[in-house]
Structures are given as C-alpha cells and as structure tokens.
C-alpha cells in the first residue's frame, strides 16, 4: 500500500517538474507556439478568476480595460503593475505581442484600475535597464530565470474637459 502511494507521489512530482521545465523553456526561448498555448491556458483558467478582484483595494493585480482593435468589443485583462515614478511598470513575460497590448497600442489609451482608482493610461515600451531599477531583488531573479526582456510603462493621461467654456 505504501509503495503505491509513494509511486503516485513520485509520479506527480515528475509531472510537475516536467510542466515547470516546459514552461521555463517556452518562456526563455520565446517559442511562439508554446507561448500561445500558455496564454490560452491562462486566459481560460487564471484570468477569469483573477479578474473578479483585480483592481480593487488590496489586490496584487490591476485591471486594464481596453477595446478590441478589430471588433471594437470591450475587454478586461488582469495584469501585474509596479509603481515607477508616477507611471506603472508592467513586465511582459509573453512578449509585446499579447492581444491586450496590441489593442492598447491601436487605441492609444485604456483605463487601468489599481487599488480601486481608475486611471486613463497610454503605453510606452521601456528598456530593461530602466525597468530593472524598479524591481525588487526577487523580481529581478524571476525575470532572469524566465528570460523576461520586455517591459512596458503605462503613463497617466491627463483628463481634459471636452465641453465649451
């Protein structure tokens, strides 16, 4: 009986290690097919669950509201943001070709909800040397491990009144 349980535990550990190694290799090599599959799994699994609390006070993720570049449909995507001199820093583990960023670039701006406050933001790509200064030692190790080299700054866009004076 104990031998059977041991084999199950060892089998689960081997599967988990294999999945992590596959994820790591896909991220480091920037394999388009593998990244697409990982993004689809994330969209199907974690994004929907995270979107419920993202952007609210105390949440570790923000929520970006953007419009589809072809469909014009509204979308919401949970993303991780860090403060960066009045802007928001986002690291892009899947690269700059993710759908939400392509939509944001096409529209020029989007709404970002962080800690219960909504900001209108516009995108600006950031060099790794500039971004790394705002990451903790742990986050720098993670970006190195997964080969993350793409970073984005979301600048706050001043709200202007469109009405007559």
Protein backbone atom coordinates (compact mmCIF):
# COMPACT_ATOMS: atom_id res chain seq x y z
CA UNK A 1 0.00 0.00 0.00
CA UNK A 2 2.74 2.48 0.96
CA UNK A 3 4.72 1.63 -2.14
CA UNK A 4 1.71 2.51 -4.29
CA UNK A 5 1.28 5.87 -2.52
CA UNK A 6 5.00 6.57 -2.92
CA UNK A 7 4.80 5.87 -6.67
CA UNK A 8 1.82 8.20 -7.02
CA UNK A 9 3.63 11.00 -5.17
CA UNK A 10 6.81 10.48 -7.20
CA UNK A 11 4.76 10.42 -10.41
CA UNK A 12 3.03 13.70 -9.52
CA UNK A 13 6.39 15.31 -8.71
CA UNK A 14 7.81 14.18 -12.06
CA UNK A 15 4.78 15.58 -13.93
CA UNK A 16 5.01 18.89 -12.04
CA UNK A 17 8.75 19.17 -12.71
CA UNK A 18 8.20 18.39 -16.38
CA UNK A 19 5.47 21.05 -16.66
CA UNK A 20 7.66 23.64 -14.96
CA UNK A 21 10.62 22.79 -17.21
CA UNK A 22 8.41 23.06 -20.30
CA UNK A 23 7.09 26.44 -19.12
CA UNK A 24 10.60 27.67 -18.36
CA UNK A 25 11.95 26.59 -21.77
CA UNK A 26 8.99 28.12 -23.61
CA UNK A 27 9.46 31.44 -21.81
CA UNK A 28 13.24 31.56 -22.24
CA UNK A 29 13.24 30.58 -25.94
CA UNK A 30 10.18 32.75 -26.75
CA UNK A 31 8.72 29.85 -28.76
CA UNK A 32 5.61 31.39 -30.36
CA UNK A 33 3.52 28.21 -30.40
CA UNK A 34 4.30 27.35 -26.80
CA UNK A 35 3.66 30.93 -25.63
CA UNK A 36 0.35 30.96 -27.48
CA UNK A 37 -0.70 27.75 -25.73
CA UNK A 38 0.37 29.11 -22.32
CA UNK A 39 -1.52 32.37 -22.96
CA UNK A 40 -4.65 30.45 -23.97
CA UNK A 41 -4.48 28.32 -20.82
CA UNK A 42 -4.00 31.47 -18.75
CA UNK A 43 -6.90 33.24 -20.45
CA UNK A 44 -9.12 30.21 -19.93
CA UNK A 45 -8.04 29.47 -16.37
CA UNK A 46 -6.46 32.14 -14.25
CA UNK A 47 -7.52 35.37 -15.98
CA UNK A 48 -11.23 34.86 -15.31
CA UNK A 49 -10.66 34.12 -11.63
CA UNK A 50 -8.21 36.99 -11.16
CA UNK A 51 -10.45 39.50 -12.94
CA UNK A 52 -13.00 39.29 -10.12
CA UNK A 53 -10.77 41.02 -7.58
CA UNK A 54 -8.19 42.72 -9.81
CA UNK A 55 -8.00 46.48 -9.44
CA UNK A 56 -9.71 46.52 -6.07
CA UNK A 57 -8.03 47.81 -2.88
CA UNK A 58 -5.60 45.23 -1.53
CA UNK A 59 -5.42 43.23 -4.75
CA UNK A 60 -1.98 42.31 -6.10
CA UNK A 61 -3.16 42.77 -9.69
CA UNK A 62 -4.58 45.66 -11.66
CA UNK A 63 -7.31 45.54 -14.29
CA UNK A 64 -6.90 47.09 -17.72
CA UNK A 65 -10.00 47.89 -19.78
CA UNK A 66 -9.30 48.06 -23.49
CA UNK A 67 -11.18 47.91 -26.79
CA UNK A 68 -10.61 45.26 -29.46
CA UNK A 69 -8.67 46.68 -32.39
CA UNK A 70 -10.79 44.83 -34.98
CA UNK A 71 -14.02 44.01 -33.17
CA UNK A 72 -14.39 47.19 -31.13
CA UNK A 73 -15.60 44.98 -28.27
CA UNK A 74 -14.68 45.96 -24.70
CA UNK A 75 -12.27 43.66 -22.85
CA UNK A 76 -10.81 43.49 -19.35
CA UNK A 77 -7.47 41.85 -18.56
CA UNK A 78 -5.82 41.42 -15.16
CA UNK A 79 -2.16 42.49 -15.19
CA UNK A 80 0.55 43.00 -12.61
CA UNK A 81 1.79 46.57 -12.21
CA UNK A 82 4.52 48.17 -10.14
CA UNK A 83 4.95 51.87 -9.32
CA UNK A 84 7.55 53.67 -11.43
CA UNK A 85 7.97 57.43 -10.91
CA UNK A 86 4.32 58.37 -11.42
CA UNK A 87 3.83 55.67 -14.06
CA UNK A 88 3.01 51.99 -13.83
CA UNK A 89 5.60 49.37 -14.82
CA UNK A 90 4.42 46.12 -16.39
CA UNK A 91 6.72 43.27 -17.27
CA UNK A 92 5.66 41.26 -20.29
CA UNK A 93 6.56 37.58 -19.81
CA UNK A 94 4.93 36.61 -23.12
CA UNK A 95 6.49 39.49 -25.05
CA UNK A 96 4.94 42.62 -26.57
CA UNK A 97 2.63 40.74 -28.97
CA UNK A 98 -0.09 39.93 -26.43
CA UNK A 99 -3.62 40.84 -27.50
CA UNK A 100 -4.33 43.38 -24.77
CA UNK A 101 -1.17 45.35 -25.59
CA UNK A 102 -1.86 45.25 -29.32
CA UNK A 103 -5.36 46.60 -28.58
CA UNK A 104 -3.93 49.30 -26.31
CA UNK A 105 -1.41 50.40 -28.93
CA UNK A 106 -4.11 50.57 -31.60
CA UNK A 107 -6.42 52.64 -29.40
CA UNK A 108 -3.65 54.78 -27.89
CA UNK A 109 -5.13 54.65 -24.38
CA UNK A 110 -7.09 52.49 -21.97
CA UNK A 111 -8.41 52.52 -18.42
CA UNK A 112 -6.27 51.00 -15.69
CA UNK A 113 -7.84 50.24 -12.31
CA UNK A 114 -5.31 49.99 -9.46
CA UNK A 115 -6.25 49.83 -5.76
CA UNK A 116 -9.80 50.97 -6.51
CA UNK A 117 -8.70 54.04 -8.52
CA UNK A 118 -9.22 54.24 -12.29
CA UNK A 119 -6.58 55.97 -14.43
CA UNK A 120 -6.51 56.66 -18.15
CA UNK A 121 -3.13 55.43 -19.43
CA UNK A 122 -1.10 55.26 -22.61
CA UNK A 123 1.69 52.76 -23.39
CA UNK A 124 5.43 53.30 -23.70
CA UNK A 125 7.97 50.49 -24.12
CA UNK A 126 10.80 50.58 -21.56
CA UNK A 127 14.36 49.31 -21.86
CA UNK A 128 15.27 46.53 -19.41
CA UNK A 129 18.00 48.64 -17.80
CA UNK A 130 15.45 51.31 -16.90
CA UNK A 131 12.85 48.80 -15.67
CA UNK A 132 15.19 46.67 -13.55
CA UNK A 133 15.88 49.61 -11.25
CA UNK A 134 12.23 49.45 -10.08
CA UNK A 135 12.14 45.70 -9.44
CA UNK A 136 12.92 44.04 -6.14
CA UNK A 137 15.79 41.54 -5.96
CA UNK A 138 13.27 38.68 -6.08
CA UNK A 139 11.55 40.11 -9.16
CA UNK A 140 14.91 40.61 -10.90
CA UNK A 141 15.77 36.95 -10.24
CA UNK A 142 12.41 35.87 -11.69
CA UNK A 143 12.85 37.99 -14.82
CA UNK A 144 16.32 36.49 -15.30
CA UNK A 145 15.09 32.93 -14.72
CA UNK A 146 12.21 33.24 -17.20
CA UNK A 147 14.15 35.37 -19.69
CA UNK A 148 11.80 38.36 -19.49
CA UNK A 149 13.26 41.21 -21.51
CA UNK A 150 10.15 43.22 -22.46
CA UNK A 151 8.77 45.92 -20.19
CA UNK A 152 6.04 48.50 -20.57
CA UNK A 153 5.32 51.76 -18.79
CA UNK A 154 1.74 52.95 -18.58
CA UNK A 155 1.72 56.75 -18.39
CA UNK A 156 -1.21 58.54 -16.85
CA UNK A 157 -3.01 60.63 -19.45
CA UNK A 158 -4.29 63.95 -18.12
CA UNK A 159 -8.06 64.15 -18.27
CA UNK A 160 -9.22 67.17 -20.23
CA UNK A 161 -12.69 68.63 -20.33
CA UNK A 162 -14.26 68.43 -23.76
CA UNK A 163 -17.11 70.83 -23.04
CA UNK A 164 -17.40 74.51 -24.02
CA UNK A 165 -16.02 77.21 -21.75
